């Protein structure tokens, strides 16, 4: 490729904040929950690059033709690859696309086709736009995508803080996980956290049914706690982990959890998971189950008697699990483990994704 901005290049990043910034000079966008991507096109040459500079082309073959037919001959765009199923984004379906078998990828591309939502442009033709203000880049992007059609989309944007706050409340049910705030005058700075992101955060009480040792500190420091919630059938389902501990706290937890390790497997609801081989298939996702994101990682875990309750903060659910690592808040010695159910979770009605993807 011979572009004014050639691959590889890292995307611009964001810092997390608690609320939308006040004052003028901001452009707000929904925060999409998918695979961040930079799209490079130079005539017939096309590269779909991940946020860590890896090629994604082979995993999304259905995007090649739309990108080549709808984008300018020479350009670099920043966006997010997403999969919309029904009225919401499905990140788990997106993860399934990272499959080593081309035949499987082709099948999934037909069954669950992906889309790209664009929100920035780095260059067009011979113009390097990285040092131009974001408001100018946004106007250029709108012009470039004026005639685009699915599966290519332009993200909504507004300068109105009230509209952004409304998006923050309503769009979560569709799988979007917050709102981005970008300074109108900001330039494009690769790998710099110069944007702002406001994400949802809620609290819930979970059963602590196991833990993992901290990396390179086996036996001396706790890495994460394994969390569970009871479903309607009284099954304790693994919903994720929390890992927000200081180094000192990780060491303290070793002694704190020691009594709960005694006879932990006796009647443990995850005993079969604890005794299963790492590559053994399970109907439900289990604590030691490998994913395509965790190849090579040590996911072994130690069971605890499911008698402890921890209050954790989480942003949102993906199916029956926390989408991201939860944050430990405090122990709840006043709450019974069997009261830790899915019923305590706030359910946000989905905003019709079709309205977000509507033809402009």
Protein backbone atom coordinates (compact mmCIF):
# COMPACT_ATOMS: atom_id res chain seq x y z
CA UNK A 1 0.00 0.00 0.00
CA UNK A 2 1.10 3.56 -0.75
CA UNK A 3 -1.19 5.72 1.36
CA UNK A 4 -0.43 8.89 3.28
CA UNK A 5 -1.20 6.78 6.38
CA UNK A 6 0.14 3.25 5.91
CA UNK A 7 -0.40 0.22 8.15
CA UNK A 8 0.32 -0.75 10.79
CA UNK A 9 -0.91 2.05 13.01
CA UNK A 10 -2.58 1.92 16.41
CA UNK A 11 -6.01 3.51 16.92
CA UNK A 12 -6.68 6.47 19.17
CA UNK A 13 -7.88 5.48 22.67
CA UNK A 14 -10.07 6.86 25.45
CA UNK A 15 -9.96 7.43 29.20
CA UNK A 16 -12.92 6.35 31.30
CA UNK A 17 -14.78 9.07 33.20
CA UNK A 18 -17.80 8.98 35.50
CA UNK A 19 -20.06 11.39 33.62
CA UNK A 20 -20.44 13.30 30.39
CA UNK A 21 -18.15 16.35 30.29
CA UNK A 22 -19.88 19.69 30.75
CA UNK A 23 -19.50 22.74 28.55
CA UNK A 24 -19.26 23.26 24.81
CA UNK A 25 -16.78 21.88 22.32
CA UNK A 26 -17.69 18.19 22.54
CA UNK A 27 -19.07 15.75 19.99
CA UNK A 28 -20.81 12.74 21.53
CA UNK A 29 -21.27 9.29 20.00
CA UNK A 30 -22.66 5.94 21.18
CA UNK A 31 -19.91 3.57 22.32
CA UNK A 32 -20.09 0.42 20.21
CA UNK A 33 -19.26 -2.98 21.68
CA UNK A 34 -17.40 -4.92 19.01
CA UNK A 35 -13.95 -5.31 17.46
CA UNK A 36 -12.12 -2.00 16.96
CA UNK A 37 -10.77 -1.83 13.44
CA UNK A 38 -8.83 0.38 11.07
CA UNK A 39 -9.76 -0.10 7.41
CA UNK A 40 -7.03 0.63 4.84
CA UNK A 41 -7.95 0.79 1.16
CA UNK A 42 -5.59 1.53 -1.71
CA UNK A 43 -7.40 0.62 -4.91
CA UNK A 44 -7.78 -3.16 -4.99
CA UNK A 45 -5.69 -3.56 -1.85
CA UNK A 46 -7.68 -3.80 1.37
CA UNK A 47 -6.64 -4.41 4.96
CA UNK A 48 -8.95 -4.85 7.93
CA UNK A 49 -6.67 -4.30 10.93
CA UNK A 50 -7.44 -5.01 14.59
CA UNK A 51 -6.66 -2.60 17.43
CA UNK A 52 -3.44 -4.52 18.09
CA UNK A 53 -2.29 -4.34 14.46
CA UNK A 54 -3.36 -7.87 13.47
CA UNK A 55 -5.19 -8.58 10.18
CA UNK A 56 -8.87 -9.49 10.51
CA UNK A 57 -9.68 -9.93 6.80
CA UNK A 58 -9.91 -13.73 6.88
CA UNK A 59 -12.46 -13.69 9.68
CA UNK A 60 -14.89 -11.32 7.94
CA UNK A 61 -14.88 -12.21 4.22
CA UNK A 62 -18.40 -10.80 3.76
CA UNK A 63 -17.07 -7.28 4.37
CA UNK A 64 -14.54 -7.24 1.52
CA UNK A 65 -16.94 -6.46 -1.33
CA UNK A 66 -18.97 -3.76 0.47
CA UNK A 67 -15.77 -2.04 1.61
CA UNK A 68 -14.29 -2.06 -1.89
CA UNK A 69 -17.47 -0.91 -3.60
CA UNK A 70 -18.58 1.76 -1.13
CA UNK A 71 -15.40 3.35 0.20
CA UNK A 72 -13.25 5.86 -1.71
CA UNK A 73 -10.41 4.41 -3.78
CA UNK A 74 -7.77 5.48 -1.27
CA UNK A 75 -8.62 6.02 2.40
CA UNK A 76 -8.11 4.94 6.00
CA UNK A 77 -11.13 4.79 8.32
CA UNK A 78 -11.55 4.03 12.02
CA UNK A 79 -14.54 2.06 13.22
CA UNK A 80 -15.99 -0.99 14.96
CA UNK A 81 -16.95 -4.40 13.58
CA UNK A 82 -20.21 -5.56 15.15
CA UNK A 83 -22.78 -8.30 14.71
CA UNK A 84 -26.44 -7.42 15.26
CA UNK A 85 -28.81 -10.29 15.99
CA UNK A 86 -32.44 -9.41 16.51
CA UNK A 87 -32.56 -6.06 18.24
CA UNK A 88 -29.16 -6.08 19.93
CA UNK A 89 -25.45 -6.47 19.35
CA UNK A 90 -24.06 -9.92 20.07
CA UNK A 91 -20.42 -9.91 21.15
CA UNK A 92 -20.35 -13.67 21.69
CA UNK A 93 -21.35 -14.22 18.06
CA UNK A 94 -18.52 -11.88 17.09
CA UNK A 95 -16.02 -13.91 19.11
CA UNK A 96 -17.06 -17.08 17.31
CA UNK A 97 -15.79 -15.56 14.06
CA UNK A 98 -12.17 -15.91 15.25
CA UNK A 99 -12.05 -19.51 14.07
CA UNK A 100 -9.02 -21.20 12.51
CA UNK A 101 -11.08 -23.09 9.90
CA UNK A 102 -11.92 -21.06 6.79
CA UNK A 103 -14.95 -23.27 6.14
CA UNK A 104 -16.39 -22.46 9.56
CA UNK A 105 -15.75 -18.74 9.07
CA UNK A 106 -17.53 -18.87 5.71
CA UNK A 107 -20.54 -20.59 7.27
CA UNK A 108 -20.77 -18.07 10.09
CA UNK A 109 -20.35 -15.18 7.65
CA UNK A 110 -23.54 -16.35 5.97
CA UNK A 111 -25.44 -17.07 9.17
CA UNK A 112 -24.36 -14.04 11.23
CA UNK A 113 -22.97 -11.40 8.86
CA UNK A 114 -21.00 -8.56 10.39
CA UNK A 115 -21.33 -4.81 9.94
CA UNK A 116 -18.87 -1.93 10.29
CA UNK A 117 -19.77 1.27 12.10
CA UNK A 118 -17.39 4.10 11.21
CA UNK A 119 -16.61 7.06 13.47
CA UNK A 120 -13.36 8.62 12.19
CA UNK A 121 -11.19 9.08 9.10
CA UNK A 122 -7.39 9.31 9.02
CA UNK A 123 -6.84 10.00 5.34
CA UNK A 124 -8.69 10.42 2.06
CA UNK A 125 -6.85 10.31 -1.23
CA UNK A 126 -3.56 12.14 -0.74
CA UNK A 127 -4.83 14.11 2.28
CA UNK A 128 -3.50 13.14 5.71
CA UNK A 129 -6.32 14.23 8.03
CA UNK A 130 -4.78 13.26 11.36
CA UNK A 131 -3.80 16.82 12.25
CA UNK A 132 -7.15 18.34 11.27
CA UNK A 133 -9.77 18.99 14.01
CA UNK A 134 -12.18 16.17 14.70
CA UNK A 135 -15.17 18.34 13.67
CA UNK A 136 -13.58 18.62 10.20
CA UNK A 137 -12.81 14.91 10.06
CA UNK A 138 -16.40 14.13 11.06
CA UNK A 139 -17.76 16.31 8.24
CA UNK A 140 -15.41 14.57 5.78
CA UNK A 141 -16.55 11.16 7.03
CA UNK A 142 -20.21 12.12 6.61
CA UNK A 143 -19.51 13.16 3.03
CA UNK A 144 -17.58 9.96 2.28
CA UNK A 145 -20.38 7.73 3.60
CA UNK A 146 -23.33 9.76 2.33
CA UNK A 147 -24.28 7.04 -0.13
CA UNK A 148 -23.30 4.04 1.96
CA UNK A 149 -25.62 1.15 2.74
CA UNK A 150 -25.59 -1.86 5.04
CA UNK A 151 -23.35 -3.41 6.19
CA UNK A 152 -21.45 -0.10 6.34
CA UNK A 153 -22.77 2.55 8.73
CA UNK A 154 -21.91 5.97 10.08
CA UNK A 155 -22.23 6.26 13.84
CA UNK A 156 -24.74 8.83 15.14
CA UNK A 157 -23.19 11.97 16.60
CA UNK A 158 -24.49 14.99 18.49
CA UNK A 159 -23.22 18.11 20.18
CA UNK A 160 -26.23 18.16 22.50
CA UNK A 161 -25.43 16.83 25.97
CA UNK A 162 -29.09 15.98 26.71
CA UNK A 163 -29.28 13.82 23.60
CA UNK A 164 -26.08 12.05 24.62
CA UNK A 165 -27.49 11.41 28.09
CA UNK A 166 -30.61 9.94 26.49
CA UNK A 167 -28.44 7.64 24.39
CA UNK A 168 -26.61 6.55 27.52
CA UNK A 169 -29.90 5.43 29.09
CA UNK A 170 -31.64 3.91 26.08
CA UNK A 171 -28.98 2.31 23.91
CA UNK A 172 -27.62 -0.05 26.54
CA UNK A 173 -30.38 -2.55 25.92
CA UNK A 174 -29.20 -2.81 22.34
CA UNK A 175 -25.74 -3.86 23.46
CA UNK A 176 -23.99 -0.49 23.29
CA UNK A 177 -21.98 0.08 26.42
CA UNK A 178 -21.79 3.82 26.92
CA UNK A 179 -21.11 7.16 25.25
CA UNK A 180 -17.93 8.61 23.75
CA UNK A 181 -17.01 12.28 24.13
CA UNK A 182 -14.55 13.73 21.63
CA UNK A 183 -13.22 17.30 21.58
CA UNK A 184 -14.21 19.12 18.40
CA UNK A 185 -10.68 20.49 18.01
CA UNK A 186 -8.90 17.24 18.80
CA UNK A 187 -6.41 15.77 16.34
CA UNK A 188 -6.01 12.04 15.71
CA UNK A 189 -3.32 10.72 18.06
CA UNK A 190 -2.60 6.98 17.63
CA UNK A 191 -2.37 4.97 20.85
CA UNK A 192 -3.06 8.07 22.98
CA UNK A 193 -5.96 8.26 25.45
CA UNK A 194 -7.30 11.62 24.38
CA UNK A 195 -11.01 10.80 24.05
CA UNK A 196 -13.41 10.21 26.94
CA UNK A 197 -15.75 7.27 27.49
CA UNK A 198 -18.64 7.12 29.93
CA UNK A 199 -19.69 3.55 30.68
CA UNK A 200 -22.45 2.03 32.75
CA UNK A 201 -21.66 0.80 36.25
CA UNK A 202 -23.97 -1.09 38.55
CA UNK A 203 -23.56 -3.19 41.66
CA UNK A 204 -24.74 -6.66 42.54
CA UNK A 205 -24.03 -9.33 45.15
CA UNK A 206 -22.39 -12.53 43.97
CA UNK A 207 -21.40 -15.86 45.47
CA UNK A 208 -17.62 -16.33 45.56
CA UNK A 209 -17.12 -19.98 44.59
CA UNK A 210 -13.47 -20.08 43.59
CA UNK A 211 -10.34 -18.11 42.79
CA UNK A 212 -7.28 -18.02 40.56
CA UNK A 213 -3.73 -17.44 41.71
CA UNK A 214 -2.08 -14.25 40.54
CA UNK A 215 0.26 -14.58 37.58
CA UNK A 216 3.78 -15.52 38.72
CA UNK A 217 2.64 -15.59 42.38
CA UNK A 218 1.11 -19.04 42.78
CA UNK A 219 0.41 -19.74 46.42
CA UNK A 220 1.26 -16.21 47.61
CA UNK A 221 -1.23 -13.83 45.94
CA UNK A 222 -4.81 -14.06 44.67
CA UNK A 223 -5.37 -13.00 41.08
CA UNK A 224 -9.15 -13.03 40.78
CA UNK A 225 -12.32 -14.28 42.47
CA UNK A 226 -14.77 -16.46 40.55
CA UNK A 227 -18.34 -15.20 40.84
CA UNK A 228 -21.68 -16.97 40.62
CA UNK A 229 -25.39 -16.19 40.59
CA UNK A 230 -28.29 -18.59 41.09
CA UNK A 231 -30.71 -18.99 38.19
CA UNK A 232 -34.43 -19.78 38.41
CA UNK A 233 -33.65 -23.50 38.70
CA UNK A 234 -31.35 -22.87 41.70
CA UNK A 235 -28.22 -23.65 39.66
CA UNK A 236 -25.17 -21.58 40.52
CA UNK A 237 -24.00 -20.17 37.18
CA UNK A 238 -20.52 -18.77 36.66
CA UNK A 239 -20.98 -15.10 35.68
CA UNK A 240 -17.41 -13.80 35.62
CA UNK A 241 -14.56 -12.67 37.83
CA UNK A 242 -13.49 -9.66 39.85
CA UNK A 243 -9.85 -8.70 40.07
CA UNK A 244 -9.50 -5.12 41.28
CA UNK A 245 -7.09 -5.68 44.19
CA UNK A 246 -3.90 -3.98 45.33
CA UNK A 247 -0.76 -6.08 45.70
CA UNK A 248 -1.14 -6.01 49.49
CA UNK A 249 -4.80 -7.06 49.28
CA UNK A 250 -3.92 -9.96 46.99
CA UNK A 251 -1.56 -11.29 49.65
CA UNK A 252 -4.07 -10.75 52.47
CA UNK A 253 -6.72 -12.70 50.56
CA UNK A 254 -4.58 -15.84 50.68
CA UNK A 255 -5.07 -16.12 54.46
CA UNK A 256 -8.65 -14.82 54.34
CA UNK A 257 -9.76 -17.48 51.86
CA UNK A 258 -7.79 -20.34 53.39
CA UNK A 259 -10.63 -21.61 55.67
CA UNK A 260 -13.02 -21.74 52.72
CA UNK A 261 -10.64 -23.98 50.76
CA UNK A 262 -11.05 -26.80 53.28
CA UNK A 263 -13.28 -29.58 51.87
CA UNK A 264 -14.33 -27.10 49.17
CA UNK A 265 -15.28 -29.77 46.63
CA UNK A 266 -17.68 -31.56 48.98
CA UNK A 267 -21.04 -30.78 47.42
CA UNK A 268 -19.58 -27.91 45.37
CA UNK A 269 -21.95 -26.93 42.52
CA UNK A 270 -18.98 -26.66 40.13
CA UNK A 271 -17.29 -29.90 41.16
CA UNK A 272 -17.62 -31.41 37.70
CA UNK A 273 -15.95 -28.32 36.23
CA UNK A 274 -13.12 -28.47 38.72
CA UNK A 275 -12.43 -32.10 37.91
CA UNK A 276 -12.91 -31.80 34.13
CA UNK A 277 -10.01 -31.65 31.71
CA UNK A 278 -9.37 -28.20 30.23
CA UNK A 279 -10.45 -29.29 26.73
CA UNK A 280 -13.61 -31.08 27.80
CA UNK A 281 -16.76 -29.60 26.29
CA UNK A 282 -19.41 -28.21 28.59
CA UNK A 283 -22.99 -27.15 27.98
CA UNK A 284 -22.40 -24.06 30.15
CA UNK A 285 -19.34 -21.87 30.19
CA UNK A 286 -17.14 -22.99 33.07
CA UNK A 287 -14.44 -21.16 35.02
CA UNK A 288 -11.53 -23.00 33.40
CA UNK A 289 -12.88 -23.00 29.86
CA UNK A 290 -10.53 -21.79 27.14
CA UNK A 291 -11.72 -19.22 24.62
CA UNK A 292 -10.10 -17.84 21.48
CA UNK A 293 -9.06 -14.84 23.55
CA UNK A 294 -7.34 -16.90 26.23
CA UNK A 295 -5.19 -19.33 24.26
CA UNK A 296 -2.02 -20.01 26.21
CA UNK A 297 -3.29 -18.49 29.46
CA UNK A 298 -3.44 -20.47 32.68
CA UNK A 299 -7.15 -20.66 33.50
CA UNK A 300 -6.82 -23.24 36.26
CA UNK A 301 -8.75 -22.33 39.39
CA UNK A 302 -9.19 -23.35 43.00
CA UNK A 303 -12.63 -24.07 44.47
CA UNK A 304 -13.97 -22.36 47.59
CA UNK A 305 -16.94 -23.41 49.66
CA UNK A 306 -19.69 -21.18 48.22
CA UNK A 307 -20.36 -19.38 51.50
CA UNK A 308 -18.91 -15.93 50.82
CA UNK A 309 -20.84 -13.07 49.23
CA UNK A 310 -19.08 -10.16 47.55
CA UNK A 311 -20.59 -6.94 46.28
CA UNK A 312 -19.09 -6.08 42.90
CA UNK A 313 -19.50 -3.33 40.33
CA UNK A 314 -20.10 -4.25 36.68
CA UNK A 315 -20.91 -2.32 33.54
CA UNK A 316 -23.34 -4.59 31.70
CA UNK A 317 -24.26 -8.18 31.00
CA UNK A 318 -23.51 -10.14 27.82
CA UNK A 319 -26.10 -12.88 27.91
CA UNK A 320 -25.83 -14.45 31.36
CA UNK A 321 -22.31 -13.19 32.15
CA UNK A 322 -20.56 -9.94 32.94
CA UNK A 323 -19.21 -8.47 29.71
CA UNK A 324 -16.02 -7.23 31.43
CA UNK A 325 -14.13 -7.97 34.62
CA UNK A 326 -16.14 -6.84 37.65
CA UNK A 327 -14.69 -4.59 40.37
CA UNK A 328 -14.66 -5.73 43.99
CA UNK A 329 -16.50 -3.36 46.36
CA UNK A 330 -16.92 -5.12 49.73
CA UNK A 331 -17.83 -8.35 51.48
CA UNK A 332 -21.51 -8.86 52.31
CA UNK A 333 -21.49 -10.92 55.51
CA UNK A 334 -25.13 -9.88 56.03
CA UNK A 335 -26.38 -11.61 52.88
CA UNK A 336 -27.04 -15.29 52.30
CA UNK A 337 -25.43 -16.87 49.23
CA UNK A 338 -28.76 -18.30 48.06
CA UNK A 339 -30.13 -14.76 47.81
CA UNK A 340 -27.58 -13.93 45.11
CA UNK A 341 -29.79 -14.42 42.06
CA UNK A 342 -30.16 -12.97 38.58
CA UNK A 343 -33.33 -11.26 39.78
CA UNK A 344 -31.28 -8.49 41.41
CA UNK A 345 -29.86 -7.37 38.05
CA UNK A 346 -31.33 -4.36 36.32
CA UNK A 347 -32.73 -5.28 32.91
CA UNK A 348 -32.67 -2.51 30.32
CA UNK A 349 -35.28 -2.82 27.54
CA UNK A 350 -33.51 -3.00 24.16
CA UNK A 351 -33.61 0.07 21.99
CA UNK A 352 -34.37 -1.09 18.46
CA UNK A 353 -31.01 -1.41 16.74
CA UNK A 354 -32.76 -0.76 13.44
CA UNK A 355 -33.26 2.83 14.55
CA UNK A 356 -29.52 3.25 15.05
CA UNK A 357 -28.77 1.56 11.70
CA UNK A 358 -31.57 3.45 9.94
CA UNK A 359 -30.90 4.80 6.47
CA UNK A 360 -29.88 8.41 6.77
